Amino acid sequence: MIGRPYYFTYEVLERDDGEGKSRLRIVSTAELSRENLDDSERTPPESRDETLPAENGYQFDVPEPDDFVMRNNRLTLDDTSKQTLSMEEIEELKKMDTGSGKELIAKIVAAHSGIDEKTAFSFAKYIKRKHQKYLKRFTVLPLDVTMLTNIMLEKEPSRTMEMRVESLGLITSWANVRHGTETDPDSDGHRVGGGRWLVVDDTGGLLIAAMAEKMAILYPTSSEQDGQNHDRIHDGEQQPVQNGDDGETKNVQKAENQHPKQHIVAQSATYNTLTVIHPNTQPNLSLLRYFDYSVEDPDDKHPLYTHLKTLTWLQFLDPEADALYHEPAIIPDSELSKMKSGKKGNYYKKRRRWQRIKSVVEETRAGGFDGCVLASYMKAPGVLKHLVPLVRGGGQIVVYSPTVEPLTELVDLYSRERKSAFVRMMHQQHGKEATDDGFDEDDFPLNPTLLLNPMLQTTRAKHWQVLPGRTHPVMTSRGGAEGYVFSATRVNPASGKVEARGKFRKKRRATPSEQDVSKKIKAVDSSESEM
């Protein structure tokens, strides 16, 4: 399969005598379409005396339209006793089967005593289940974020906070995650094409992968892959060459000074960036390895090498308390020339790490992000208190939670009523602005004037069985958490007192005659009211 395109369907063939491996056969698209068409046109057999051809597997005669009788499953009792073959006999048939599973399926269908009671719809579902269980076929598909989300939801849902594909789509849409190129900044100093997003990810890197996919920085391009293969051959591995004197093969490694490799500064991109804040020494982004990227040993040819930035909460809140933030001691060039290559390499490595951490911390604390996405088990109010001020006006704040209770608290903290009470309280405190930090944290843990239009949403796509006259959801779908998304827009509160003014027009004074008329009208109205 190596070197072949994706989406090919393979059939496992049995081993011949003396073969140590099974052989594969590519199933053509015409064959798959013909089998699907045959499955949709098959109906349960009317008799049990039909023969089963070994070449094409099971084949049932389709009755003529005039002889076709509409069945229903009103009196059908689905019982395991209707299958006359035992599990031991089925296992023996599986060992004796020399094909791809068609003969085994045909024998199982023929041994079912209630197959003629099934409707066309239930019979098609029955055949489909046997295909999935016994047919020795598989299709090679490329791994993308959607497939990885479904796999993790079935395998380890708690590892990804039970996040579904629908929730990922809702998060990236409300966060306005998009792909952009480096362009000139606008009048406010922000780039129009590329954006910068602040992320707190406790899903093992699934949220980062979904955002990076929409930003077109998740998969290496073809040119980057070619360059990676070229560097692997000429810089890292040993390459056999032909000796012109005696024709012998030697393994030689080209010297580094003959082909100098240009150093790429990690986390150096200025647009289309994802800044991840994590509590540990290294961020937990293990799921990114499925997309050929490792945080522990990153590949400088991958787009995430420069576009994914990481820093700890300690470096973000109190960088001076982190030892890695402080500049290492500078060693003069005279001493460096006397040092061994290993110690000299460690010195330059520490210098590069300090420069990277310092630039990321200063850039993050300066703010100006286009959005903030939070999917974490930490309490959202405490996290948003530090992250919301870093988002520029008009940016989006999105928070995901498997349950609804943490997000209902956020909606209340940013509600209209709490915002009005906060503004009144700030005006009462000697006319302070609403952006000051001198408010009561017990009543207002967060500044409600920083976010506008808080919303709480949920979405979950249900699977449905559709048949003319009968539509109902699949009752065997997976349960678990629904998944809820909080979204709001970052705004800059107006400073000072806000007053509404219109165009002033001086009111015309009434003439003496008009005043007499108005007095008479009032007198008449008062007399009528007394009567």
Protein backbone atom coordinates (compact mmCIF):
# COMPACT_ATOMS: atom_id res chain seq x y z
CA MET A 1 0.00 0.00 0.00
CA ILE A 2 2.99 2.32 0.42
CA GLY A 3 3.13 4.80 -2.42
CA ARG A 4 -0.47 4.22 -3.51
CA PRO A 5 -3.19 6.88 -3.34
CA TYR A 6 -5.75 7.05 -0.58
CA TYR A 7 -9.38 5.87 -0.88
CA PHE A 8 -8.44 2.55 -2.51
CA THR A 9 -10.41 -0.45 -1.27
CA TYR A 10 -8.34 -3.60 -0.73
CA GLU A 11 -9.47 -7.21 -0.40
CA VAL A 12 -7.44 -9.65 1.66
CA LEU A 13 -6.72 -12.84 -0.28
CA GLU A 14 -5.84 -16.15 1.27
CA ARG A 15 -2.23 -17.29 1.34
CA ASP A 16 -1.04 -19.78 -1.20
CA ASP A 17 1.12 -22.74 -0.28
CA GLY A 18 4.52 -21.56 0.85
CA GLU A 19 3.56 -17.89 1.19
CA GLY A 20 4.27 -16.16 4.47
CA LYS A 21 2.07 -13.11 3.92
CA SER A 22 -1.46 -12.52 2.73
CA ARG A 23 -1.91 -10.87 -0.64
CA LEU A 24 -4.08 -7.84 -1.36
CA ARG A 25 -6.33 -7.14 -4.30
CA ILE A 26 -7.55 -3.69 -5.25
CA VAL A 27 -11.33 -3.71 -5.58
CA SER A 28 -12.32 -1.55 -8.51
CA THR A 29 -14.90 1.19 -8.25
CA ALA A 30 -17.09 -0.56 -10.82
CA GLU A 31 -17.17 -3.71 -8.70
CA LEU A 32 -18.10 -1.78 -5.56
CA SER A 33 -20.85 0.11 -7.36
CA ARG A 34 -22.23 -3.10 -8.85
CA GLU A 35 -22.33 -4.81 -5.45
CA ASN A 36 -24.02 -1.81 -3.81
CA LEU A 37 -26.59 -1.77 -6.58
CA ASP A 38 -27.19 -5.50 -6.19
CA ASP A 39 -27.63 -5.12 -2.42
CA SER A 40 -30.25 -2.43 -2.89
CA GLU A 41 -32.22 -4.59 -5.34
CA ARG A 42 -32.08 -7.87 -3.40
CA THR A 43 -35.08 -9.19 -1.50
CA PRO A 44 -35.24 -12.12 0.89
CA PRO A 45 -35.51 -15.52 -0.82
CA GLU A 46 -38.91 -17.15 -1.08
CA SER A 47 -37.65 -20.73 -0.79
CA ARG A 48 -34.76 -22.53 0.88
CA ASP A 49 -33.84 -24.79 -2.11
CA GLU A 50 -31.72 -22.31 -4.06
CA THR A 51 -28.08 -22.93 -4.89
CA LEU A 52 -25.27 -20.65 -3.78
CA PRO A 53 -22.69 -19.89 -6.50
CA ALA A 54 -19.14 -19.94 -5.15
CA GLU A 55 -17.77 -17.40 -7.56
CA ASN A 56 -19.93 -14.37 -6.92
CA GLY A 57 -20.92 -15.21 -3.37
CA TYR A 58 -24.60 -15.06 -2.41
CA GLN A 59 -27.12 -14.18 -5.10
CA PHE A 60 -30.88 -14.06 -4.59
CA ASP A 61 -33.45 -13.86 -7.32
CA VAL A 62 -35.37 -10.61 -7.46
CA PRO A 63 -39.10 -11.28 -7.95
CA GLU A 64 -41.04 -9.63 -10.71
CA PRO A 65 -43.00 -6.48 -9.84
CA ASP A 66 -46.32 -8.30 -10.37
CA ASP A 67 -45.32 -11.10 -8.02
CA PHE A 68 -43.85 -8.83 -5.37
CA VAL A 69 -45.79 -8.78 -2.11
CA MET A 70 -45.21 -5.94 0.32
CA ARG A 71 -44.10 -7.36 3.66
CA ASN A 72 -44.10 -5.78 7.09
CA ASN A 73 -42.32 -6.71 10.29
CA ARG A 74 -45.39 -6.50 12.49
CA LEU A 75 -45.28 -10.22 13.35
CA THR A 76 -41.51 -10.65 13.07
CA LEU A 77 -39.72 -11.85 16.17
CA ASP A 78 -35.99 -11.30 15.99
CA ASP A 79 -34.51 -14.22 17.91
CA THR A 80 -31.01 -15.68 17.90
CA SER A 81 -32.47 -19.19 17.71
CA LYS A 82 -33.45 -18.57 14.08
CA GLN A 83 -29.80 -18.85 13.12
CA THR A 84 -29.23 -22.60 12.84
CA LEU A 85 -25.43 -22.25 12.74
CA SER A 86 -23.72 -22.11 16.12
CA MET A 87 -20.76 -19.88 16.89
CA GLU A 88 -18.42 -22.88 16.79
CA GLU A 89 -19.64 -23.79 13.31
CA ILE A 90 -19.26 -20.18 12.13
CA GLU A 91 -15.69 -20.11 13.45
CA GLU A 92 -14.92 -23.32 11.58
CA LEU A 93 -16.38 -21.83 8.40
CA LYS A 94 -14.20 -18.76 8.87
CA LYS A 95 -11.10 -20.97 9.01
CA MET A 96 -12.18 -22.97 5.97
CA ASP A 97 -13.14 -19.91 3.92
CA THR A 98 -10.75 -19.45 1.01
CA GLY A 99 -12.32 -16.30 -0.40
CA SER A 100 -12.83 -12.78 0.89
CA GLY A 101 -15.81 -13.70 3.09
CA LYS A 102 -18.58 -13.85 0.48
CA GLU A 103 -19.08 -17.60 0.79
CA LEU A 104 -19.24 -17.35 4.57
CA ILE A 105 -21.89 -14.63 4.38
CA ALA A 106 -23.89 -16.67 1.88
CA LYS A 107 -23.89 -19.73 4.18
CA ILE A 108 -24.91 -17.65 7.19
CA VAL A 109 -27.79 -16.11 5.25
CA ALA A 110 -28.90 -19.52 3.97
CA ALA A 111 -28.88 -20.94 7.51
CA HIS A 112 -31.19 -18.20 8.82
CA SER A 113 -34.65 -19.70 9.23
CA GLY A 114 -36.46 -16.34 9.38
CA ILE A 115 -34.79 -14.62 6.46
CA ASP A 116 -37.93 -14.82 4.31
CA GLU A 117 -39.88 -12.85 6.93
CA LYS A 118 -37.68 -9.77 6.62
CA THR A 119 -38.72 -6.72 4.66
CA ALA A 120 -36.52 -5.29 1.93
CA PHE A 121 -35.32 -2.58 4.29
CA SER A 122 -34.50 -4.90 7.21
CA PHE A 123 -32.89 -7.42 4.85
CA ALA A 124 -30.59 -4.72 3.42
CA LYS A 125 -29.59 -3.72 6.96
CA TYR A 126 -28.94 -7.37 7.82
CA ILE A 127 -26.66 -7.85 4.79
CA LYS A 128 -24.82 -4.62 5.57
CA ARG A 129 -24.05 -5.81 9.10
CA LYS A 130 -22.68 -9.10 7.78
CA HIS A 131 -20.52 -7.18 5.31
CA GLN A 132 -18.98 -5.12 8.09
CA LYS A 133 -18.38 -8.18 10.26
CA TYR A 134 -17.14 -10.86 7.88
CA LEU A 135 -16.05 -9.24 4.62
CA LYS A 136 -12.25 -9.07 4.44
CA ARG A 137 -12.01 -5.60 2.93
CA PHE A 138 -10.70 -2.28 4.09
CA THR A 139 -10.27 1.21 2.65
CA VAL A 140 -7.23 3.37 3.32
CA LEU A 141 -8.30 6.90 4.27
CA PRO A 142 -6.19 9.94 5.16
CA LEU A 143 -6.35 10.95 8.80
CA ASP A 144 -7.94 14.36 9.26
CA VAL A 145 -9.39 16.17 12.25
CA THR A 146 -12.90 14.84 11.68
CA MET A 147 -11.78 11.22 11.63
CA LEU A 148 -9.51 11.70 14.63
CA THR A 149 -12.36 13.29 16.59
CA ASN A 150 -14.66 10.34 15.90
CA ILE A 151 -11.93 7.84 16.81
CA MET A 152 -11.14 9.55 20.11
CA LEU A 153 -14.86 9.87 20.91
CA GLU A 154 -15.20 6.09 20.72
CA LYS A 155 -11.80 5.20 22.18
CA GLU A 156 -10.98 7.76 24.91
CA PRO A 157 -13.73 10.39 25.15
CA SER A 158 -12.54 11.80 28.49
CA ARG A 159 -9.16 12.61 26.95
CA THR A 160 -10.75 15.11 24.56
CA MET A 161 -13.49 16.37 26.94
CA GLU A 162 -16.02 14.36 24.87
CA MET A 163 -15.72 16.91 22.08
CA ARG A 164 -17.65 16.12 18.91
CA VAL A 165 -17.23 17.24 15.33
CA GLU A 166 -20.27 19.49 15.64
CA SER A 167 -18.79 21.24 18.67
CA LEU A 168 -15.47 21.79 16.88
CA GLY A 169 -17.29 23.34 13.93
CA LEU A 170 -19.26 25.64 16.24
CA ILE A 171 -16.13 26.69 18.16
CA THR A 172 -14.05 27.52 15.09
CA SER A 173 -16.96 29.37 13.47
CA TRP A 174 -17.71 31.61 16.45
CA ALA A 175 -13.99 32.20 17.06
CA ASN A 176 -13.72 33.38 13.43
CA VAL A 177 -10.73 31.11 12.81
CA ARG A 178 -9.55 31.60 9.24
CA HIS A 179 -6.55 31.40 6.98
CA GLY A 180 -4.73 34.59 6.09
CA THR A 181 -1.55 35.82 4.53
CA GLU A 182 0.84 38.49 5.74
CA THR A 183 -0.54 41.87 4.74
CA ASP A 184 -0.01 45.46 5.72
CA PRO A 185 -1.65 46.46 9.01
CA ASP A 186 -4.83 48.49 8.97
CA SER A 187 -5.42 51.86 10.63
CA ASP A 188 -5.66 50.23 14.08
CA GLY A 189 -2.38 48.40 13.65
CA HIS A 190 -3.95 44.93 13.16
CA ARG A 191 -3.28 42.69 10.21
CA VAL A 192 -6.25 42.21 7.91
CA GLY A 193 -5.24 38.85 6.43
CA GLY A 194 -3.61 36.84 9.20
CA GLY A 195 -4.91 36.55 12.74
CA ARG A 196 -3.58 35.64 16.19
CA TRP A 197 -5.52 33.45 18.59
CA LEU A 198 -5.02 32.72 22.28
CA VAL A 199 -5.82 29.13 23.25
CA VAL A 200 -6.11 27.08 26.43
CA ASP A 201 -6.40 23.45 25.33
CA ASP A 202 -7.00 20.47 27.62
CA THR A 203 -8.14 18.16 24.81
CA GLY A 204 -4.68 16.76 24.07
CA GLY A 205 -4.22 18.99 21.03
CA LEU A 206 -7.49 18.20 19.26
CA LEU A 207 -8.69 21.81 19.49
CA ILE A 208 -5.31 23.07 18.24
CA ALA A 209 -5.47 20.65 15.31
CA ALA A 210 -8.97 21.82 14.33
CA MET A 211 -7.98 25.48 14.44
CA ALA A 212 -4.70 24.84 12.61
CA GLU A 213 -6.56 22.95 9.88
CA LYS A 214 -8.77 25.97 9.18
CA MET A 215 -5.70 28.21 9.25
CA ALA A 216 -3.92 25.96 6.70
CA ILE A 217 -0.94 25.32 8.98
CA LEU A 218 -1.66 21.72 10.03
CA TYR A 219 -0.36 19.80 7.02
CA PRO A 220 3.05 20.33 5.41
CA THR A 221 2.95 21.41 1.80
CA SER A 222 4.50 19.32 -0.96
CA SER A 223 7.51 21.63 -1.28
CA GLU A 224 8.15 21.39 2.47
CA GLN A 225 7.97 17.59 2.31
CA ASP A 226 10.41 17.48 -0.61
CA GLY A 227 12.82 19.74 1.27
CA GLN A 228 12.47 17.55 4.34
CA ASN A 229 13.37 14.42 2.36
CA HIS A 230 16.32 16.23 0.77
CA ASP A 231 17.68 17.33 4.15
CA ARG A 232 17.19 13.85 5.57
CA ILE A 233 19.29 12.33 2.79
CA HIS A 234 22.09 14.86 2.59
CA ASP A 235 22.36 16.12 6.16
CA GLY A 236 21.36 13.32 8.50
CA GLU A 237 21.68 9.87 6.91
CA GLN A 238 24.57 8.05 5.33
CA GLN A 239 24.44 7.80 1.55
CA PRO A 240 26.18 5.04 -0.43
CA VAL A 241 28.46 6.29 -3.21
CA GLN A 242 30.52 4.54 -5.85
CA ASN A 243 34.29 4.52 -5.50
CA GLY A 244 35.95 5.15 -8.85
CA ASP A 245 39.16 3.21 -8.04
CA ASP A 246 37.95 -0.25 -7.06
CA GLY A 247 34.16 0.00 -7.41
CA GLU A 248 33.49 -0.71 -3.73
CA THR A 249 30.61 0.96 -1.88
CA LYS A 250 31.38 3.27 0.99
CA ASN A 251 29.13 5.06 3.45
CA VAL A 252 30.12 8.68 3.59
CA GLN A 253 28.45 11.54 5.37
CA LYS A 254 28.73 15.00 3.91
CA ALA A 255 30.28 17.56 6.18
CA GLU A 256 28.08 20.23 7.70
CA ASN A 257 30.30 23.06 6.47
CA GLN A 258 29.95 21.87 2.84
CA HIS A 259 26.15 22.16 2.94
CA PRO A 260 25.31 24.72 5.61
CA LYS A 261 21.73 24.37 6.84
CA GLN A 262 19.82 27.58 7.35
CA HIS A 263 18.56 27.85 10.92
CA ILE A 264 14.84 28.50 11.31
CA VAL A 265 13.83 30.36 14.46
CA ALA A 266 11.13 28.47 16.31
CA GLN A 267 7.83 30.22 17.14
CA SER A 268 8.85 33.25 15.10
CA ALA A 269 5.76 33.80 12.93
CA THR A 270 3.95 37.13 13.25
CA TYR A 271 0.63 36.16 11.63
CA ASN A 272 -1.60 33.06 11.54
CA THR A 273 -0.36 32.11 15.00
CA LEU A 274 -1.76 30.02 17.85
CA THR A 275 -0.50 30.91 21.34
CA VAL A 276 -1.12 28.11 23.85
CA ILE A 277 -0.96 28.73 27.60
CA HIS A 278 -0.44 25.55 29.65
CA PRO A 279 0.21 24.74 33.33
CA ASN A 280 3.02 22.18 32.88
CA THR A 281 6.60 22.30 31.67
CA GLN A 282 5.51 21.02 28.25
CA PRO A 283 2.01 21.42 26.77
CA ASN A 284 -0.08 18.29 26.42
CA LEU A 285 -0.50 18.27 22.62
CA SER A 286 0.13 14.57 22.05
CA LEU A 287 -2.57 14.22 19.37
CA LEU A 288 -0.56 16.42 17.03
CA ARG A 289 1.77 13.49 16.41
CA TYR A 290 -0.87 12.07 14.09
CA PHE A 291 -0.15 15.08 11.88
CA ASP A 292 3.65 14.60 11.93
CA TYR A 293 4.37 17.15 14.64
CA SER A 294 5.83 16.57 18.08
CA VAL A 295 6.18 19.28 20.71
CA GLU A 296 9.14 17.51 22.36
CA ASP A 297 11.07 17.10 19.10
CA PRO A 298 9.51 19.48 16.55
CA ASP A 299 10.34 19.36 12.87
CA ASP A 300 11.45 22.72 11.53
CA LYS A 301 9.87 21.91 8.15
CA HIS A 302 6.38 21.72 9.65
CA PRO A 303 4.24 24.92 9.59
CA LEU A 304 3.46 24.54 13.30
CA TYR A 305 7.16 24.93 14.09
CA THR A 306 6.91 28.70 13.61
CA HIS A 307 3.15 29.31 13.92
CA LEU A 308 2.49 27.44 17.21
CA LYS A 309 3.69 29.33 20.30
CA THR A 310 3.65 27.98 23.85
CA LEU A 311 4.22 29.46 27.30
CA THR A 312 3.36 28.48 30.86
CA TRP A 313 0.97 30.25 33.19
CA LEU A 314 3.93 31.23 35.38
CA GLN A 315 5.70 32.86 32.43
CA PHE A 316 2.49 34.67 31.52
CA LEU A 317 1.42 35.92 34.97
CA ASP A 318 4.80 36.41 36.64
CA PRO A 319 7.65 36.00 34.15
CA GLU A 320 10.29 37.26 36.57
CA ALA A 321 9.63 34.24 38.80
CA ASP A 322 10.58 31.84 36.01
CA ALA A 323 14.28 31.01 35.72
CA LEU A 324 14.04 30.44 31.97
CA TYR A 325 12.92 34.03 31.43
CA HIS A 326 16.19 35.46 32.76
CA GLU A 327 19.04 35.97 30.34
CA PRO A 328 21.93 33.50 30.66
CA ALA A 329 25.38 34.82 31.41
CA ILE A 330 27.19 36.06 28.32
CA ILE A 331 30.47 34.30 27.61
CA PRO A 332 33.08 36.30 25.69
CA ASP A 333 34.20 35.08 22.28
CA SER A 334 37.73 34.49 23.56
CA GLU A 335 36.43 31.93 26.07
CA LEU A 336 34.01 30.40 23.58
CA SER A 337 36.82 29.60 21.19
CA LYS A 338 38.54 27.55 23.91
CA MET A 339 35.40 25.58 24.86
CA LYS A 340 34.56 22.14 23.52
CA SER A 341 31.92 21.77 20.85
CA GLY A 342 29.42 20.14 23.23
CA LYS A 343 29.56 22.92 25.82
CA LYS A 344 29.52 25.55 23.10
CA GLY A 345 26.38 23.97 21.59
CA ASN A 346 24.64 23.94 25.00
CA TYR A 347 25.48 27.61 25.46
CA TYR A 348 23.95 28.61 22.14
CA LYS A 349 20.96 26.35 22.82
CA LYS A 350 20.26 28.14 26.10
CA ARG A 351 20.59 31.52 24.39
CA ARG A 352 18.12 30.55 21.67
CA ARG A 353 15.67 29.18 24.26
CA TRP A 354 15.84 32.38 26.29
CA GLN A 355 15.29 34.55 23.20
CA ARG A 356 12.32 32.43 22.16
CA ILE A 357 10.68 32.49 25.60
CA LYS A 358 11.27 36.21 26.05
CA SER A 359 9.79 37.12 22.66
CA VAL A 360 6.72 34.90 23.15
CA VAL A 361 6.05 36.21 26.68
CA GLU A 362 6.39 39.87 25.68
CA GLU A 363 4.25 39.38 22.58
CA THR A 364 1.54 37.59 24.57
CA ARG A 365 1.44 40.12 27.42
CA ALA A 366 1.18 42.95 24.86
CA GLY A 367 -2.19 41.56 23.72
CA GLY A 368 -3.92 42.45 20.49
CA PHE A 369 -5.23 38.94 19.79
CA ASP A 370 -8.07 38.34 17.35
CA GLY A 371 -9.77 35.81 19.59
CA CYS A 372 -9.54 33.58 22.64
CA VAL A 373 -10.64 29.93 22.70
CA LEU A 374 -10.89 28.03 25.97
CA ALA A 375 -11.48 24.28 26.37
CA SER A 376 -10.25 23.42 29.84
CA TYR A 377 -11.27 21.86 33.12
CA MET A 378 -10.10 24.98 34.96
CA LYS A 379 -12.71 27.45 36.15
CA ALA A 380 -13.54 29.75 33.29
CA PRO A 381 -14.03 33.00 35.29
CA GLY A 382 -10.54 32.83 36.75
CA VAL A 383 -9.00 32.19 33.33
CA LEU A 384 -10.99 34.80 31.44
CA LYS A 385 -10.10 37.46 34.01
CA HIS A 386 -6.54 37.43 32.67
CA LEU A 387 -7.15 36.56 29.02
CA VAL A 388 -10.08 38.77 27.98
CA PRO A 389 -8.12 42.06 28.30
CA LEU A 390 -5.57 40.67 25.82
CA VAL A 391 -8.16 40.41 23.02
CA ARG A 392 -8.61 43.45 20.83
CA GLY A 393 -11.95 45.14 20.28
CA GLY A 394 -14.19 43.10 18.01
CA GLY A 395 -12.41 39.84 18.84
CA GLN A 396 -14.33 36.71 19.79
CA ILE A 397 -14.30 34.85 23.11
CA VAL A 398 -15.33 31.17 22.90
CA VAL A 399 -15.48 28.71 25.80
CA TYR A 400 -16.31 25.00 25.50
CA SER A 401 -17.58 22.78 28.30
CA PRO A 402 -18.99 19.23 28.26
CA THR A 403 -21.69 20.29 30.74
CA VAL A 404 -23.85 23.39 30.84
CA GLU A 405 -23.42 24.48 34.47
CA PRO A 406 -20.01 26.24 34.16
CA LEU A 407 -21.20 28.20 31.14
CA THR A 408 -24.46 29.35 32.72
CA GLU A 409 -22.32 31.03 35.38
CA LEU A 410 -20.42 32.86 32.63
CA VAL A 411 -23.64 34.02 30.99
CA ASP A 412 -24.80 35.42 34.32
CA LEU A 413 -21.47 37.19 34.97
CA TYR A 414 -21.71 38.98 31.61
CA SER A 415 -25.48 39.52 31.61
CA ARG A 416 -27.15 42.86 30.90
CA GLU A 417 -28.47 43.23 34.44
CA ARG A 418 -25.07 42.68 36.01
CA LYS A 419 -23.52 45.09 33.51
CA SER A 420 -26.03 47.84 34.44
CA ALA A 421 -25.41 47.33 38.14
CA PHE A 422 -21.64 47.44 37.54
CA VAL A 423 -21.86 50.76 35.64
CA ARG A 424 -24.07 52.33 38.34
CA MET A 425 -21.66 51.21 41.05
CA MET A 426 -18.67 52.67 39.20
CA HIS A 427 -20.43 56.02 38.75
CA GLN A 428 -21.26 56.11 42.44
CA GLN A 429 -17.59 55.61 43.35
CA HIS A 430 -16.56 59.17 42.53
CA GLY A 431 -17.12 58.78 38.81
CA LYS A 432 -14.55 56.09 38.21
CA GLU A 433 -14.38 54.55 34.78
CA ALA A 434 -15.81 51.10 34.21
CA THR A 435 -12.42 49.75 33.22
CA ASP A 436 -10.88 50.31 36.67
CA ASP A 437 -10.02 47.34 38.85
CA GLY A 438 -11.32 48.88 42.05
CA PHE A 439 -14.61 46.99 42.18
CA ASP A 440 -15.88 44.36 44.57
CA GLU A 441 -14.74 40.93 43.33
CA ASP A 442 -17.37 39.16 45.44
CA ASP A 443 -20.21 40.76 43.51
CA PHE A 444 -18.33 41.18 40.21
CA PRO A 445 -15.61 38.54 39.72
CA LEU A 446 -15.28 39.74 36.12
CA ASN A 447 -15.69 43.08 34.42
CA PRO A 448 -19.04 42.62 32.62
CA THR A 449 -18.51 45.62 30.36
CA LEU A 450 -15.69 43.92 28.41
CA LEU A 451 -17.94 41.44 26.58
CA LEU A 452 -21.04 42.03 24.53
CA ASN A 453 -23.86 39.68 23.51
CA PRO A 454 -23.00 36.57 25.55
CA MET A 455 -24.66 33.45 24.12
CA LEU A 456 -24.88 29.81 25.14
CA GLN A 457 -25.39 27.21 22.43
CA THR A 458 -25.25 23.47 21.87
CA THR A 459 -25.38 21.33 18.79
CA ARG A 460 -25.41 17.59 18.31
CA ALA A 461 -26.12 15.88 15.01
CA LYS A 462 -28.36 12.85 15.48
CA HIS A 463 -28.38 9.89 13.14
CA TRP A 464 -31.72 9.10 11.57
CA GLN A 465 -33.19 6.10 9.82
CA VAL A 466 -35.30 7.33 6.92
CA LEU A 467 -37.85 5.22 5.09
CA PRO A 468 -40.99 6.37 3.25
CA GLY A 469 -43.62 6.81 5.92
CA ARG A 470 -41.26 6.05 8.79
CA THR A 471 -38.50 8.30 10.16
CA HIS A 472 -36.95 7.87 13.59
CA PRO A 473 -33.56 8.44 15.25
CA VAL A 474 -31.06 5.64 15.68
CA MET A 475 -31.63 4.34 19.17
CA THR A 476 -28.14 2.82 19.49
CA SER A 477 -26.23 6.08 19.14
CA ARG A 478 -23.56 6.90 21.67
CA GLY A 479 -24.58 8.86 24.75
CA GLY A 480 -22.31 11.02 26.82
CA ALA A 481 -22.06 14.76 27.22
CA GLU A 482 -23.86 17.05 24.82
CA GLY A 483 -21.19 19.73 24.70
CA TYR A 484 -21.97 23.45 25.14
CA VAL A 485 -20.31 26.54 23.71
CA PHE A 486 -20.23 30.06 25.19
CA SER A 487 -19.46 32.92 22.80
CA ALA A 488 -19.23 36.69 23.19
CA THR A 489 -17.66 39.71 21.47
CA ARG A 490 -14.88 41.75 23.03
CA VAL A 491 -15.66 45.48 23.25
CA ASN A 492 -13.82 48.51 24.57
CA PRO A 493 -15.95 50.33 27.18
CA ALA A 494 -16.43 54.04 26.63
CA SER A 495 -14.48 56.20 29.05
CA GLY A 496 -16.23 58.95 30.99
CA LYS A 497 -19.91 59.82 31.02
CA VAL A 498 -21.89 58.95 27.91
CA GLU A 499 -24.71 61.33 26.90
CA ALA A 500 -27.16 61.04 24.04
CA ARG A 501 -27.70 64.26 22.07
CA GLY A 502 -29.80 65.18 19.05
CA LYS A 503 -30.20 68.23 16.84
CA PHE A 504 -31.45 71.10 18.99
CA ARG A 505 -34.33 73.20 17.63
CA LYS A 506 -35.69 76.19 19.53
CA LYS A 507 -39.38 75.84 20.29
CA ARG A 508 -41.55 78.60 18.75
CA ARG A 509 -43.42 80.72 21.31
CA ALA A 510 -47.19 80.83 20.85
CA THR A 511 -48.86 84.13 19.92
CA PRO A 512 -51.43 85.81 22.28
CA SER A 513 -54.35 84.68 20.11
CA GLU A 514 -53.11 81.08 20.17
CA GLN A 515 -52.75 81.27 23.92
CA ASP A 516 -56.40 82.42 24.31
CA VAL A 517 -57.62 79.56 22.12
CA SER A 518 -55.70 76.99 24.12
CA LYS A 519 -57.13 78.38 27.39
CA LYS A 520 -60.69 78.10 26.07
CA ILE A 521 -60.11 74.51 24.97
CA LYS A 522 -58.79 73.58 28.40
CA ALA A 523 -61.78 75.22 30.10
CA VAL A 524 -64.23 73.31 27.92
CA ASP A 525 -62.44 70.04 28.62
CA SER A 526 -62.52 70.63 32.35
CA SER A 527 -66.25 71.45 32.35
CA GLU A 528 -67.08 68.33 30.38
CA SER A 529 -65.08 66.21 32.75
CA GLU A 530 -67.00 67.61 35.75
CA MET A 531 -70.33 66.81 34.09
